[in-house]
PDB file of N, CA and C in Angstrom:
ATOM      1  N   UNK A   1       0.819  -1.181   0.000  1.00  0.00           N
ATOM      2  CA  UNK A   1       0.000   0.000   0.000  1.00  0.00           C
ATOM      3  C   UNK A   1       0.863   1.245   0.000  1.00  0.00           C
ATOM      4  N   UNK A   2       1.955   1.191   0.748  1.00  0.00           N
ATOM      5  CA  UNK A   2       2.818   2.354   0.849  1.00  0.00           C
ATOM      6  C   UNK A   2       3.369   2.802  -0.493  1.00  0.00           C
ATOM      7  N   UNK A   3       3.764   1.851  -1.326  1.00  0.00           N
ATOM      8  CA  UNK A   3       4.303   2.200  -2.643  1.00  0.00           C
ATOM      9  C   UNK A   3       3.219   2.830  -3.520  1.00  0.00           C
ATOM     10  N   UNK A   4       2.012   2.296  -3.445  1.00  0.00           N
ATOM     11  CA  UNK A   4       0.916   2.866  -4.234  1.00  0.00           C
ATOM     12  C   UNK A   4       0.593   4.280  -3.766  1.00  0.00           C
ATOM     13  N   UNK A   5       0.448   4.442  -2.478  1.00  0.00           N
ATOM     14  CA  UNK A   5       0.140   5.765  -1.921  1.00  0.00           C
ATOM     15  C   UNK A   5       1.264   6.741  -2.233  1.00  0.00           C
ATOM     16  N   UNK A   6       2.502   6.263  -2.118  1.00  0.00           N
ATOM     17  CA  UNK A   6       3.658   7.105  -2.421  1.00  0.00           C
ATOM     18  C   UNK A   6       3.709   7.554  -3.870  1.00  0.00           C
ATOM     19  N   UNK A   7       3.072   6.779  -4.759  1.00  0.00           N
ATOM     20  CA  UNK A   7       3.079   7.154  -6.170  1.00  0.00           C
ATOM     21  C   UNK A   7       1.830   7.951  -6.557  1.00  0.00           C
ATOM     22  N   UNK A   8       1.021   8.292  -5.554  1.00  0.00           N
ATOM     23  CA  UNK A   8      -0.117   9.159  -5.821  1.00  0.00           C
ATOM     24  C   UNK A   8      -1.480   8.493  -5.850  1.00  0.00           C
ATOM     25  N   UNK A   9      -1.540   7.205  -5.563  1.00  0.00           N
ATOM     26  CA  UNK A   9      -2.820   6.501  -5.534  1.00  0.00           C
ATOM     27  C   UNK A   9      -3.525   6.854  -4.221  1.00  0.00           C
ATOM     28  N   UNK A  10      -4.817   7.136  -4.310  1.00  0.00           N
ATOM     29  CA  UNK A  10      -5.592   7.469  -3.113  1.00  0.00           C
ATOM     30  C   UNK A  10      -5.592   6.298  -2.134  1.00  0.00           C
ATOM     31  N   UNK A  11      -5.649   6.591  -0.838  1.00  0.00           N
ATOM     32  CA  UNK A  11      -5.610   5.563   0.203  1.00  0.00           C
ATOM     33  C   UNK A  11      -6.660   4.477  -0.015  1.00  0.00           C
ATOM     34  N   UNK A  12      -7.888   4.882  -0.288  1.00  0.00           N
ATOM     35  CA  UNK A  12      -8.993   3.932  -0.473  1.00  0.00           C
ATOM     36  C   UNK A  12      -8.724   2.995  -1.643  1.00  0.00           C
ATOM     37  N   UNK A  13      -8.239   3.533  -2.744  1.00  0.00           N
ATOM     38  CA  UNK A  13      -7.942   2.722  -3.938  1.00  0.00           C
ATOM     39  C   UNK A  13      -6.771   1.784  -3.652  1.00  0.00           C
ATOM     40  N   UNK A  14      -5.757   2.285  -2.959  1.00  0.00           N
ATOM     41  CA  UNK A  14      -4.608   1.453  -2.597  1.00  0.00           C
ATOM     42  C   UNK A  14      -5.043   0.299  -1.697  1.00  0.00           C
ATOM     43  N   UNK A  15      -5.971   0.561  -0.781  1.00  0.00           N
ATOM     44  CA  UNK A  15      -6.475  -0.494   0.109  1.00  0.00           C
ATOM     45  C   UNK A  15      -7.176  -1.588  -0.689  1.00  0.00           C
ATOM     46  N   UNK A  16      -7.948  -1.210  -1.685  1.00  0.00           N
ATOM     47  CA  UNK A  16      -8.639  -2.198  -2.525  1.00  0.00           C
ATOM     48  C   UNK A  16      -7.623  -3.037  -3.293  1.00  0.00           C
ATOM     49  N   UNK A  17      -6.615  -2.399  -3.870  1.00  0.00           N
ATOM     50  CA  UNK A  17      -5.588  -3.146  -4.612  1.00  0.00           C
ATOM     51  C   UNK A  17      -4.820  -4.089  -3.687  1.00  0.00           C
ATOM     52  N   UNK A  18      -4.477  -3.620  -2.496  1.00  0.00           N
ATOM     53  CA  UNK A  18      -3.755  -4.463  -1.539  1.00  0.00           C
ATOM     54  C   UNK A  18      -4.602  -5.664  -1.128  1.00  0.00           C
ATOM     55  N   UNK A  19      -5.888  -5.431  -0.914  1.00  0.00           N
ATOM     56  CA  UNK A  19      -6.796  -6.543  -0.562  1.00  0.00           C
ATOM     57  C   UNK A  19      -6.900  -7.531  -1.714  1.00  0.00           C
ATOM     58  N   UNK A  20      -6.951  -7.040  -2.931  1.00  0.00           N
ATOM     59  CA  UNK A  20      -7.016  -7.926  -4.094  1.00  0.00           C
ATOM     60  C   UNK A  20      -5.791  -8.830  -4.153  1.00  0.00           C
ATOM     61  N   UNK A  21      -4.618  -8.267  -3.896  1.00  0.00           N
ATOM     62  CA  UNK A  21      -3.386  -9.064  -3.896  1.00  0.00           C
ATOM     63  C   UNK A  21      -3.441 -10.086  -2.766  1.00  0.00           C
ATOM     64  N   UNK A  22      -3.920  -9.676  -1.593  1.00  0.00           N
ATOM     65  CA  UNK A  22      -4.038 -10.608  -0.465  1.00  0.00           C
ATOM     66  C   UNK A  22      -4.955 -11.770  -0.819  1.00  0.00           C
ATOM     67  N   UNK A  23      -5.940 -11.511  -1.660  1.00  0.00           N
ATOM     68  CA  UNK A  23      -6.896 -12.541  -2.057  1.00  0.00           C
ATOM     69  C   UNK A  23      -6.438 -13.323  -3.287  1.00  0.00           C
ATOM     70  N   UNK A  24      -5.219 -13.066  -3.751  1.00  0.00           N
ATOM     71  CA  UNK A  24      -4.649 -13.868  -4.830  1.00  0.00           C
ATOM     72  C   UNK A  24      -4.513 -13.202  -6.180  1.00  0.00           C
ATOM     73  N   UNK A  25      -4.915 -11.950  -6.295  1.00  0.00           N
ATOM     74  CA  UNK A  25      -4.796 -11.247  -7.574  1.00  0.00           C
ATOM     75  C   UNK A  25      -3.353 -10.829  -7.819  1.00  0.00           C
ATOM     76  N   UNK A  26      -3.079 -10.467  -9.023  1.00  0.00           N
ATOM     77  CA  UNK A  26      -1.777  -9.924  -9.398  1.00  0.00           C
ATOM     78  C   UNK A  26      -1.975  -8.455  -9.729  1.00  0.00           C
ATOM     79  N   UNK A  27      -1.132  -7.619  -9.182  1.00  0.00           N
ATOM     80  CA  UNK A  27      -1.207  -6.190  -9.440  1.00  0.00           C
ATOM     81  C   UNK A  27      -0.072  -5.812 -10.380  1.00  0.00           C
ATOM     82  N   UNK A  28      -0.431  -5.176 -11.469  1.00  0.00           N
ATOM     83  CA  UNK A  28       0.555  -4.713 -12.438  1.00  0.00           C
ATOM     84  C   UNK A  28       0.409  -3.201 -12.551  1.00  0.00           C
ATOM     85  N   UNK A  29       1.503  -2.497 -12.379  1.00  0.00           N
ATOM     86  CA  UNK A  29       1.493  -1.052 -12.569  1.00  0.00           C
ATOM     87  C   UNK A  29       2.530  -0.708 -13.622  1.00  0.00           C
ATOM     88  N   UNK A  30       2.305   0.387 -14.283  1.00  0.00           N
ATOM     89  CA  UNK A  30       3.259   0.842 -15.295  1.00  0.00           C
ATOM     90  C   UNK A  30       3.271   2.358 -15.322  1.00  0.00           C
ATOM     91  N   UNK A  31       4.442   2.900 -15.405  1.00  0.00           N
ATOM     92  CA  UNK A  31       4.590   4.343 -15.556  1.00  0.00           C
ATOM     93  C   UNK A  31       4.992   4.588 -17.009  1.00  0.00           C
ATOM     94  N   UNK A  32       4.096   5.217 -17.750  1.00  0.00           N
ATOM     95  CA  UNK A  32       4.332   5.439 -19.171  1.00  0.00           C
ATOM     96  C   UNK A  32       4.027   6.895 -19.523  1.00  0.00           C
ATOM     97  N   UNK A  33       4.628   7.387 -20.585  1.00  0.00           N
ATOM     98  CA  UNK A  33       4.293   8.747 -21.021  1.00  0.00           C
ATOM     99  C   UNK A  33       2.839   8.803 -21.480  1.00  0.00           C
ATOM    100  N   UNK A  34       2.244   9.978 -21.430  1.00  0.00           N
ATOM    101  CA  UNK A  34       0.844  10.146 -21.828  1.00  0.00           C
ATOM    102  C   UNK A  34       0.561   9.560 -23.204  1.00  0.00           C
ATOM    103  N   UNK A  35       1.512   9.663 -24.100  1.00  0.00           N
ATOM    104  CA  UNK A  35       1.309   9.161 -25.467  1.00  0.00           C
ATOM    105  C   UNK A  35       1.225   7.633 -25.523  1.00  0.00           C
ATOM    106  N   UNK A  36       1.683   6.939 -24.480  1.00  0.00           N
ATOM    107  CA  UNK A  36       1.670   5.479 -24.471  1.00  0.00           C
ATOM    108  C   UNK A  36       0.552   4.864 -23.656  1.00  0.00           C
ATOM    109  N   UNK A  37      -0.266   5.688 -23.000  1.00  0.00           N
ATOM    110  CA  UNK A  37      -1.314   5.170 -22.119  1.00  0.00           C
ATOM    111  C   UNK A  37      -2.293   4.270 -22.865  1.00  0.00           C
ATOM    112  N   UNK A  38      -2.776   4.690 -24.011  1.00  0.00           N
ATOM    113  CA  UNK A  38      -3.734   3.892 -24.774  1.00  0.00           C
ATOM    114  C   UNK A  38      -3.181   2.536 -25.150  1.00  0.00           C
ATOM    115  N   UNK A  39      -1.935   2.501 -25.569  1.00  0.00           N
ATOM    116  CA  UNK A  39      -1.302   1.234 -25.958  1.00  0.00           C
ATOM    117  C   UNK A  39      -1.199   0.292 -24.757  1.00  0.00           C
ATOM    118  N   UNK A  40      -0.761   0.818 -23.623  1.00  0.00           N
ATOM    119  CA  UNK A  40      -0.616  -0.016 -22.434  1.00  0.00           C
ATOM    120  C   UNK A  40      -1.983  -0.497 -21.941  1.00  0.00           C
ATOM    121  N   UNK A  41      -2.978   0.377 -21.950  1.00  0.00           N
ATOM    122  CA  UNK A  41      -4.318  -0.040 -21.544  1.00  0.00           C
ATOM    123  C   UNK A  41      -4.836  -1.145 -22.456  1.00  0.00           C
ATOM    124  N   UNK A  42      -4.563  -1.044 -23.742  1.00  0.00           N
ATOM    125  CA  UNK A  42      -4.965  -2.082 -24.681  1.00  0.00           C
ATOM    126  C   UNK A  42      -4.297  -3.411 -24.386  1.00  0.00           C
ATOM    127  N   UNK A  43      -3.005  -3.372 -24.111  1.00  0.00           N
ATOM    128  CA  UNK A  43      -2.266  -4.590 -23.777  1.00  0.00           C
ATOM    129  C   UNK A  43      -2.799  -5.211 -22.493  1.00  0.00           C
ATOM    130  N   UNK A  44      -3.054  -4.391 -21.505  1.00  0.00           N
ATOM    131  CA  UNK A  44      -3.515  -4.892 -20.208  1.00  0.00           C
ATOM    132  C   UNK A  44      -4.935  -5.465 -20.314  1.00  0.00           C
ATOM    133  N   UNK A  45      -5.797  -4.856 -21.125  1.00  0.00           N
ATOM    134  CA  UNK A  45      -7.190  -5.292 -21.198  1.00  0.00           C
ATOM    135  C   UNK A  45      -7.335  -6.697 -21.761  1.00  0.00           C
ATOM    136  N   UNK A  46      -6.360  -7.156 -22.507  1.00  0.00           N
ATOM    137  CA  UNK A  46      -6.388  -8.503 -23.081  1.00  0.00           C
ATOM    138  C   UNK A  46      -6.377  -9.566 -21.981  1.00  0.00           C
ATOM    139  N   UNK A  47      -5.874  -9.224 -20.826  1.00  0.00           N
ATOM    140  CA  UNK A  47      -5.692 -10.200 -19.745  1.00  0.00           C
ATOM    141  C   UNK A  47      -6.771 -10.123 -18.679  1.00  0.00           C
ATOM    142  N   UNK A  48      -7.966  -9.687 -19.060  1.00  0.00           N
ATOM    143  CA  UNK A  48      -9.142  -9.683 -18.204  1.00  0.00           C
ATOM    144  C   UNK A  48      -8.915  -9.041 -16.843  1.00  0.00           C
ATOM    145  N   UNK A  49      -8.584  -7.772 -16.810  1.00  0.00           N
ATOM    146  CA  UNK A  49      -8.396  -7.127 -15.505  1.00  0.00           C
ATOM    147  C   UNK A  49      -9.710  -7.055 -14.743  1.00  0.00           C
ATOM    148  N   UNK A  50      -9.615  -7.072 -13.426  1.00  0.00           N
ATOM    149  CA  UNK A  50     -10.826  -6.944 -12.624  1.00  0.00           C
ATOM    150  C   UNK A  50     -11.215  -5.473 -12.536  1.00  0.00           C
ATOM    151  N   UNK A  51     -12.468  -5.235 -12.303  1.00  0.00           N
ATOM    152  CA  UNK A  51     -12.961  -3.884 -12.045  1.00  0.00           C
ATOM    153  C   UNK A  51     -12.862  -3.704 -10.532  1.00  0.00           C
ATOM    154  N   UNK A  52     -11.880  -2.945 -10.070  1.00  0.00           N
ATOM    155  CA  UNK A  52     -11.641  -2.830  -8.636  1.00  0.00           C
ATOM    156  C   UNK A  52     -12.805  -2.184  -7.889  1.00  0.00           C
ATOM    157  N   UNK A  53     -13.525  -1.281  -8.532  1.00  0.00           N
ATOM    158  CA  UNK A  53     -14.676  -0.653  -7.893  1.00  0.00           C
ATOM    159  C   UNK A  53     -15.779  -1.687  -7.660  1.00  0.00           C
ATOM    160  N   UNK A  54     -16.031  -2.484  -8.683  1.00  0.00           N
ATOM    161  CA  UNK A  54     -17.041  -3.541  -8.581  1.00  0.00           C
ATOM    162  C   UNK A  54     -16.632  -4.592  -7.552  1.00  0.00           C
ATOM    163  N   UNK A  55     -15.369  -4.982  -7.587  1.00  0.00           N
ATOM    164  CA  UNK A  55     -14.868  -5.999  -6.662  1.00  0.00           C
ATOM    165  C   UNK A  55     -14.958  -5.509  -5.222  1.00  0.00           C
ATOM    166  N   UNK A  56     -14.564  -4.262  -4.980  1.00  0.00           N
ATOM    167  CA  UNK A  56     -14.630  -3.703  -3.624  1.00  0.00           C
ATOM    168  C   UNK A  56     -16.071  -3.652  -3.128  1.00  0.00           C
ATOM    169  N   UNK A  57     -17.003  -3.330  -4.014  1.00  0.00           N
ATOM    170  CA  UNK A  57     -18.416  -3.275  -3.628  1.00  0.00           C
ATOM    171  C   UNK A  57     -18.904  -4.658  -3.190  1.00  0.00           C
ATOM    172  N   UNK A  58     -18.498  -5.701  -3.913  1.00  0.00           N
ATOM    173  CA  UNK A  58     -18.937  -7.049  -3.533  1.00  0.00           C
ATOM    174  C   UNK A  58     -18.306  -7.462  -2.206  1.00  0.00           C
ATOM    175  N   UNK A  59     -17.044  -7.086  -1.973  1.00  0.00           N
ATOM    176  CA  UNK A  59     -16.409  -7.387  -0.685  1.00  0.00           C
ATOM    177  C   UNK A  59     -17.120  -6.663   0.451  1.00  0.00           C
ATOM    178  N   UNK A  60     -17.494  -5.400   0.207  1.00  0.00           N
ATOM    179  CA  UNK A  60     -18.196  -4.645   1.248  1.00  0.00           C
ATOM    180  C   UNK A  60     -19.540  -5.292   1.564  1.00  0.00           C
ATOM    181  N   UNK A  61     -20.211  -5.818   0.547  1.00  0.00           N
ATOM    182  CA  UNK A  61     -21.466  -6.542   0.769  1.00  0.00           C
ATOM    183  C   UNK A  61     -21.253  -7.752   1.678  1.00  0.00           C
ATOM    184  N   UNK A  62     -20.042  -8.306   1.640  1.00  0.00           N
ATOM    185  CA  UNK A  62     -19.697  -9.469   2.468  1.00  0.00           C
ATOM    186  C   UNK A  62     -19.157  -9.057   3.842  1.00  0.00           C
ATOM    187  N   UNK A  63     -19.035  -7.725   4.078  1.00  0.00           N
ATOM    188  CA  UNK A  63     -18.571  -7.267   5.381  1.00  0.00           C
ATOM    189  C   UNK A  63     -17.165  -6.685   5.426  1.00  0.00           C
ATOM    190  N   UNK A  64     -16.459  -6.703   4.304  1.00  0.00           N
ATOM    191  CA  UNK A  64     -15.102  -6.149   4.263  1.00  0.00           C
ATOM    192  C   UNK A  64     -15.163  -4.637   4.420  1.00  0.00           C
ATOM    193  N   UNK A  65     -14.214  -4.077   5.179  1.00  0.00           N
ATOM    194  CA  UNK A  65     -14.183  -2.623   5.338  1.00  0.00           C
ATOM    195  C   UNK A  65     -12.918  -2.001   4.781  1.00  0.00           C
ATOM    196  N   UNK A  66     -11.774  -2.620   5.030  1.00  0.00           N
ATOM    197  CA  UNK A  66     -10.514  -2.088   4.513  1.00  0.00           C
ATOM    198  C   UNK A  66      -9.431  -3.152   4.600  1.00  0.00           C
ATOM    199  N   UNK A  67      -8.323  -2.886   3.965  1.00  0.00           N
ATOM    200  CA  UNK A  67      -7.174  -3.790   3.994  1.00  0.00           C
ATOM    201  C   UNK A  67      -6.587  -3.836   5.401  1.00  0.00           C
ATOM    202  N   UNK A  68      -6.302  -5.037   5.868  1.00  0.00           N
ATOM    203  CA  UNK A  68      -5.667  -5.238   7.169  1.00  0.00           C
ATOM    204  C   UNK A  68      -4.312  -5.887   6.891  1.00  0.00           C
ATOM    205  N   UNK A  69      -3.221  -5.134   7.114  1.00  0.00           N
ATOM    206  CA  UNK A  69      -1.895  -5.636   6.725  1.00  0.00           C
ATOM    207  C   UNK A  69      -1.511  -6.993   7.311  1.00  0.00           C
ATOM    208  N   UNK A  70      -1.922  -7.292   8.538  1.00  0.00           N
ATOM    209  CA  UNK A  70      -1.490  -8.557   9.147  1.00  0.00           C
ATOM    210  C   UNK A  70      -2.515  -9.687   8.981  1.00  0.00           C
ATOM    211  N   UNK A  71      -3.544  -9.483   8.159  1.00  0.00           N
ATOM    212  CA  UNK A  71      -4.522 -10.550   7.893  1.00  0.00           C
ATOM    213  C   UNK A  71      -3.846 -11.633   7.053  1.00  0.00           C
ATOM    214  N   UNK A  72      -4.217 -12.882   7.288  1.00  0.00           N
ATOM    215  CA  UNK A  72      -3.599 -13.962   6.515  1.00  0.00           C
ATOM    216  C   UNK A  72      -4.025 -13.920   5.046  1.00  0.00           C
ATOM    217  N   UNK A  73      -3.136 -14.408   4.196  1.00  0.00           N
ATOM    218  CA  UNK A  73      -3.450 -14.485   2.767  1.00  0.00           C
ATOM    219  C   UNK A  73      -4.544 -15.517   2.552  1.00  0.00           C
ATOM    220  N   UNK A  74      -5.364 -15.292   1.559  1.00  0.00           N
ATOM    221  CA  UNK A  74      -6.385 -16.264   1.191  1.00  0.00           C
ATOM    222  C   UNK A  74      -5.699 -17.444   0.516  1.00  0.00           C
ATOM    223  N   UNK A  75      -6.216 -18.620   0.744  1.00  0.00           N
ATOM    224  CA  UNK A  75      -5.704 -19.827   0.102  1.00  0.00           C
ATOM    225  C   UNK A  75      -6.858 -20.461  -0.670  1.00  0.00           C
ATOM    226  N   UNK A  76      -6.762 -20.515  -1.985  1.00  0.00           N
ATOM    227  CA  UNK A  76      -7.855 -21.135  -2.754  1.00  0.00           C
ATOM    228  C   UNK A  76      -7.909 -22.638  -2.497  1.00  0.00           C
ATOM    229  N   UNK A  77      -9.106 -23.195  -2.576  1.00  0.00           N
ATOM    230  CA  UNK A  77      -9.261 -24.636  -2.447  1.00  0.00           C
ATOM    231  C   UNK A  77      -8.765 -25.286  -3.732  1.00  0.00           C
ATOM    232  N   UNK A  78      -8.551 -26.568  -3.682  1.00  0.00           N
ATOM    233  CA  UNK A  78      -8.118 -27.291  -4.880  1.00  0.00           C
ATOM    234  C   UNK A  78      -9.162 -27.167  -5.985  1.00  0.00           C
ATOM    235  N   UNK A  79     -10.437 -27.161  -5.613  1.00  0.00           N
ATOM    236  CA  UNK A  79     -11.505 -27.001  -6.598  1.00  0.00           C
ATOM    237  C   UNK A  79     -11.405 -25.650  -7.293  1.00  0.00           C
ATOM    238  N   UNK A  80     -11.151 -24.600  -6.532  1.00  0.00           N
ATOM    239  CA  UNK A  80     -11.013 -23.268  -7.125  1.00  0.00           C
ATOM    240  C   UNK A  80      -9.807 -23.199  -8.051  1.00  0.00           C
ATOM    241  N   UNK A  81      -8.719 -23.822  -7.651  1.00  0.00           N
ATOM    242  CA  UNK A  81      -7.508 -23.831  -8.481  1.00  0.00           C
ATOM    243  C   UNK A  81      -7.797 -24.534  -9.807  1.00  0.00           C
ATOM    244  N   UNK A  82      -8.474 -25.680  -9.756  1.00  0.00           N
ATOM    245  CA  UNK A  82      -8.796 -26.406 -10.986  1.00  0.00           C
ATOM    246  C   UNK A  82      -9.726 -25.585 -11.878  1.00  0.00           C
ATOM    247  N   UNK A  83     -10.715 -24.891 -11.292  1.00  0.00           N
ATOM    248  CA  UNK A  83     -11.629 -24.053 -12.072  1.00  0.00           C
ATOM    249  C   UNK A  83     -10.855 -22.946 -12.764  1.00  0.00           C
ATOM    250  N   UNK A  84      -9.941 -22.307 -12.041  1.00  0.00           N
ATOM    251  CA  UNK A  84      -9.154 -21.220 -12.630  1.00  0.00           C
ATOM    252  C   UNK A  84      -8.296 -21.735 -13.778  1.00  0.00           C
ATOM    253  N   UNK A  85      -7.691 -22.895 -13.595  1.00  0.00           N
ATOM    254  CA  UNK A  85      -6.869 -23.477 -14.662  1.00  0.00           C
ATOM    255  C   UNK A  85      -7.715 -23.801 -15.891  1.00  0.00           C
ATOM    256  N   UNK A  86      -8.904 -24.353 -15.668  1.00  0.00           N
ATOM    257  CA  UNK A  86      -9.794 -24.716 -16.772  1.00  0.00           C
ATOM    258  C   UNK A  86     -10.226 -23.469 -17.539  1.00  0.00           C
ATOM    259  N   UNK A  87     -10.617 -22.407 -16.800  1.00  0.00           N
ATOM    260  CA  UNK A  87     -11.015 -21.165 -17.465  1.00  0.00           C
ATOM    261  C   UNK A  87      -9.854 -20.593 -18.261  1.00  0.00           C
ATOM    262  N   UNK A  88      -8.674 -20.632 -17.696  1.00  0.00           N
ATOM    263  CA  UNK A  88      -7.478 -20.106 -18.363  1.00  0.00           C
ATOM    264  C   UNK A  88      -7.247 -20.853 -19.669  1.00  0.00           C
ATOM    265  N   UNK A  89      -7.317 -22.177 -19.599  1.00  0.00           N
ATOM    266  CA  UNK A  89      -7.088 -23.030 -20.778  1.00  0.00           C
ATOM    267  C   UNK A  89      -8.190 -22.847 -21.814  1.00  0.00           C
ATOM    268  N   UNK A  90      -9.451 -22.889 -21.369  1.00  0.00           N
ATOM    269  CA  UNK A  90     -10.586 -22.812 -22.286  1.00  0.00           C
ATOM    270  C   UNK A  90     -10.652 -21.480 -23.030  1.00  0.00           C
ATOM    271  N   UNK A  91     -10.198 -20.424 -22.410  1.00  0.00           N
ATOM    272  CA  UNK A  91     -10.241 -19.122 -23.051  1.00  0.00           C
ATOM    273  C   UNK A  91      -8.987 -18.833 -23.853  1.00  0.00           C
ATOM    274  N   UNK A  92      -8.067 -19.811 -23.895  1.00  0.00           N
ATOM    275  CA  UNK A  92      -6.863 -19.624 -24.682  1.00  0.00           C
ATOM    276  C   UNK A  92      -5.856 -18.690 -24.057  1.00  0.00           C
ATOM    277  N   UNK A  93      -6.090 -18.352 -22.776  1.00  0.00           N
ATOM    278  CA  UNK A  93      -5.193 -17.398 -22.124  1.00  0.00           C
ATOM    279  C   UNK A  93      -3.817 -17.998 -21.856  1.00  0.00           C
ATOM    280  N   UNK A  94      -3.747 -19.313 -21.751  1.00  0.00           N
ATOM    281  CA  UNK A  94      -2.485 -19.943 -21.461  1.00  0.00           C
ATOM    282  C   UNK A  94      -1.603 -20.165 -22.674  1.00  0.00           C
ATOM    283  N   UNK A  95      -2.054 -19.750 -23.844  1.00  0.00           N
ATOM    284  CA  UNK A  95      -1.281 -19.966 -25.077  1.00  0.00           C
ATOM    285  C   UNK A  95      -0.374 -18.767 -25.329  1.00  0.00           C
ATOM    286  N   UNK A  96       0.789 -19.052 -25.806  1.00  0.00           N
ATOM    287  CA  UNK A  96       1.747 -17.990 -26.162  1.00  0.00           C
ATOM    288  C   UNK A  96       1.333 -17.345 -27.471  1.00  0.00           C
ATOM    289  N   UNK A  97       1.428 -16.025 -27.507  1.00  0.00           N
ATOM    290  CA  UNK A  97       1.079 -15.295 -28.758  1.00  0.00           C
ATOM    291  C   UNK A  97       2.227 -15.371 -29.734  1.00  0.00           C
TER     292      UNK A  97
END
Protein backbone atom coordinates (compact mmCIF):
# COMPACT_ATOMS: atom_id res chain seq x y z
CA UNK A 1 0.00 0.00 0.00
CA UNK A 2 2.82 2.35 0.85
CA UNK A 3 4.30 2.20 -2.64
CA UNK A 4 0.92 2.87 -4.23
CA UNK A 5 0.14 5.77 -1.92
CA UNK A 6 3.66 7.10 -2.42
CA UNK A 7 3.08 7.15 -6.17
CA UNK A 8 -0.12 9.16 -5.82
CA UNK A 9 -2.82 6.50 -5.53
CA UNK A 10 -5.59 7.47 -3.11
CA UNK A 11 -5.61 5.56 0.20
CA UNK A 12 -8.99 3.93 -0.47
CA UNK A 13 -7.94 2.72 -3.94
CA UNK A 14 -4.61 1.45 -2.60
CA UNK A 15 -6.47 -0.49 0.11
CA UNK A 16 -8.64 -2.20 -2.53
CA UNK A 17 -5.59 -3.15 -4.61
CA UNK A 18 -3.75 -4.46 -1.54
CA UNK A 19 -6.80 -6.54 -0.56
CA UNK A 20 -7.02 -7.93 -4.09
CA UNK A 21 -3.39 -9.06 -3.90
CA UNK A 22 -4.04 -10.61 -0.46
CA UNK A 23 -6.90 -12.54 -2.06
CA UNK A 24 -4.65 -13.87 -4.83
CA UNK A 25 -4.80 -11.25 -7.57
CA UNK A 26 -1.78 -9.92 -9.40
CA UNK A 27 -1.21 -6.19 -9.44
CA UNK A 28 0.56 -4.71 -12.44
CA UNK A 29 1.49 -1.05 -12.57
CA UNK A 30 3.26 0.84 -15.29
CA UNK A 31 4.59 4.34 -15.56
CA UNK A 32 4.33 5.44 -19.17
CA UNK A 33 4.29 8.75 -21.02
CA UNK A 34 0.84 10.15 -21.83
CA UNK A 35 1.31 9.16 -25.47
CA UNK A 36 1.67 5.48 -24.47
CA UNK A 37 -1.31 5.17 -22.12
CA UNK A 38 -3.73 3.89 -24.77
CA UNK A 39 -1.30 1.23 -25.96
CA UNK A 40 -0.62 -0.02 -22.43
CA UNK A 41 -4.32 -0.04 -21.54
CA UNK A 42 -4.96 -2.08 -24.68
CA UNK A 43 -2.27 -4.59 -23.78
CA UNK A 44 -3.52 -4.89 -20.21
CA UNK A 45 -7.19 -5.29 -21.20
CA UNK A 46 -6.39 -8.50 -23.08
CA UNK A 47 -5.69 -10.20 -19.75
CA UNK A 48 -9.14 -9.68 -18.20
CA UNK A 49 -8.40 -7.13 -15.51
CA UNK A 50 -10.83 -6.94 -12.62
CA UNK A 51 -12.96 -3.88 -12.04
CA UNK A 52 -11.64 -2.83 -8.64
CA UNK A 53 -14.68 -0.65 -7.89
CA UNK A 54 -17.04 -3.54 -8.58
CA UNK A 55 -14.87 -6.00 -6.66
CA UNK A 56 -14.63 -3.70 -3.62
CA UNK A 57 -18.42 -3.28 -3.63
CA UNK A 58 -18.94 -7.05 -3.53
CA UNK A 59 -16.41 -7.39 -0.69
CA UNK A 60 -18.20 -4.65 1.25
CA UNK A 61 -21.47 -6.54 0.77
CA UNK A 62 -19.70 -9.47 2.47
CA UNK A 63 -18.57 -7.27 5.38
CA UNK A 64 -15.10 -6.15 4.26
CA UNK A 65 -14.18 -2.62 5.34
CA UNK A 66 -10.51 -2.09 4.51
CA UNK A 67 -7.17 -3.79 3.99
CA UNK A 68 -5.67 -5.24 7.17
CA UNK A 69 -1.89 -5.64 6.73
CA UNK A 70 -1.49 -8.56 9.15
CA UNK A 71 -4.52 -10.55 7.89
CA UNK A 72 -3.60 -13.96 6.52
CA UNK A 73 -3.45 -14.48 2.77
CA UNK A 74 -6.38 -16.26 1.19
CA UNK A 75 -5.70 -19.83 0.10
CA UNK A 76 -7.86 -21.14 -2.75
CA UNK A 77 -9.26 -24.64 -2.45
CA UNK A 78 -8.12 -27.29 -4.88
CA UNK A 79 -11.50 -27.00 -6.60
CA UNK A 80 -11.01 -23.27 -7.13
CA UNK A 81 -7.51 -23.83 -8.48
CA UNK A 82 -8.80 -26.41 -10.99
CA UNK A 83 -11.63 -24.05 -12.07
CA UNK A 84 -9.15 -21.22 -12.63
CA UNK A 85 -6.87 -23.48 -14.66
CA UNK A 86 -9.79 -24.72 -16.77
CA UNK A 87 -11.02 -21.16 -17.46
CA UNK A 88 -7.48 -20.11 -18.36
CA UNK A 89 -7.09 -23.03 -20.78
CA UNK A 90 -10.59 -22.81 -22.29
CA UNK A 91 -10.24 -19.12 -23.05
CA UNK A 92 -6.86 -19.62 -24.68
CA UNK A 93 -5.19 -17.40 -22.12
CA UNK A 94 -2.49 -19.94 -21.46
CA UNK A 95 -1.28 -19.97 -25.08
CA UNK A 96 1.75 -17.99 -26.16
CA UNK A 97 1.08 -15.30 -28.76
